[in-house]
Amino acid sequence: MKYAFPAIFYPDDGGFSVRFNDISCFTCGEDMADAIEMAEDALNLTLWDLEEDGKEIPKASKLDEVVL
């Protein structure tokens, strides 16, 4: 199954932190490219864990509903 969740990237200590409002998933990267790669990996692992545990995958927010 494919999922898409909006991610929020923000500067933090010389790099970028990333959070997802709809799912308990946080990560960071040294630069934007690294943060994007780390966000993809972290989200994939979080979703895989939820599926493996038989837990419900939350519904993703619409982009206009994302609170920054």
Protein backbone atom coordinates (compact mmCIF):
# COMPACT_ATOMS: atom_id res chain seq x y z
CA MET A 1 0.00 0.00 0.00
CA LYS A 2 1.18 3.54 -0.67
CA TYR A 3 0.76 6.39 1.78
CA ALA A 4 1.49 10.11 1.62
CA PHE A 5 1.77 12.24 4.73
CA PRO A 6 2.66 15.94 4.82
CA ALA A 7 5.97 16.63 6.53
CA ILE A 8 7.04 19.85 8.20
CA PHE A 9 10.71 20.79 7.82
CA TYR A 10 12.25 23.51 9.96
CA PRO A 11 15.80 24.76 10.59
CA ASP A 12 17.39 23.40 13.75
CA ASP A 13 21.01 23.58 14.98
CA GLY A 14 22.59 24.02 11.54
CA GLY A 15 20.45 21.31 9.94
CA PHE A 16 16.75 20.56 9.56
CA SER A 17 14.28 18.77 11.81
CA VAL A 18 11.24 17.03 10.39
CA ARG A 19 7.92 16.16 11.96
CA PHE A 20 4.68 14.63 10.76
CA ASN A 21 1.47 15.99 12.34
CA ASP A 22 -0.60 12.88 11.69
CA ILE A 23 1.78 10.20 12.89
CA SER A 24 4.29 9.97 15.73
CA CYS A 25 7.39 10.28 13.59
CA PHE A 26 10.30 12.69 13.97
CA THR A 27 13.74 12.89 12.37
CA CYS A 28 16.40 15.33 11.21
CA GLY A 29 19.14 15.83 8.64
CA GLU A 30 22.34 17.78 8.20
CA ASP A 31 20.92 19.63 5.18
CA MET A 32 17.60 19.66 3.30
CA ALA A 33 18.51 16.76 1.00
CA ASP A 34 19.56 14.64 4.00
CA ALA A 35 16.40 15.64 5.93
CA ILE A 36 14.18 14.57 3.01
CA GLU A 37 15.92 11.19 2.81
CA MET A 38 15.74 10.70 6.58
CA ALA A 39 12.04 11.69 6.60
CA GLU A 40 11.23 9.11 3.95
CA ASP A 41 13.09 6.39 5.85
CA ALA A 42 11.58 7.31 9.21
CA LEU A 43 8.03 7.43 7.83
CA ASN A 44 8.46 4.12 6.00
CA LEU A 45 9.71 2.39 9.15
CA THR A 46 6.96 3.90 11.32
CA LEU A 47 4.24 2.81 8.88
CA TRP A 48 5.79 -0.65 8.54
CA ASP A 49 5.79 -1.04 12.34
CA LEU A 50 2.13 -0.03 12.53
CA GLU A 51 1.17 -2.50 9.80
CA GLU A 52 3.20 -5.32 11.37
CA ASP A 53 1.54 -4.69 14.75
CA GLY A 54 -1.91 -4.66 13.13
CA LYS A 55 -2.51 -1.06 14.21
CA GLU A 56 -4.58 1.40 12.24
CA ILE A 57 -2.76 3.79 9.91
CA PRO A 58 -4.04 7.30 10.64
CA LYS A 59 -5.58 9.34 7.84
CA ALA A 60 -3.27 12.02 6.44
CA SER A 61 -4.27 15.65 6.79
CA LYS A 62 -5.10 17.66 3.72
CA LEU A 63 -2.36 20.18 2.96
CA ASP A 64 -4.59 23.15 3.71
CA GLU A 65 -5.29 21.68 7.18
CA VAL A 66 -1.63 21.35 8.23
CA VAL A 67 -0.76 23.60 11.16
CA LEU A 68 2.78 24.96 11.02
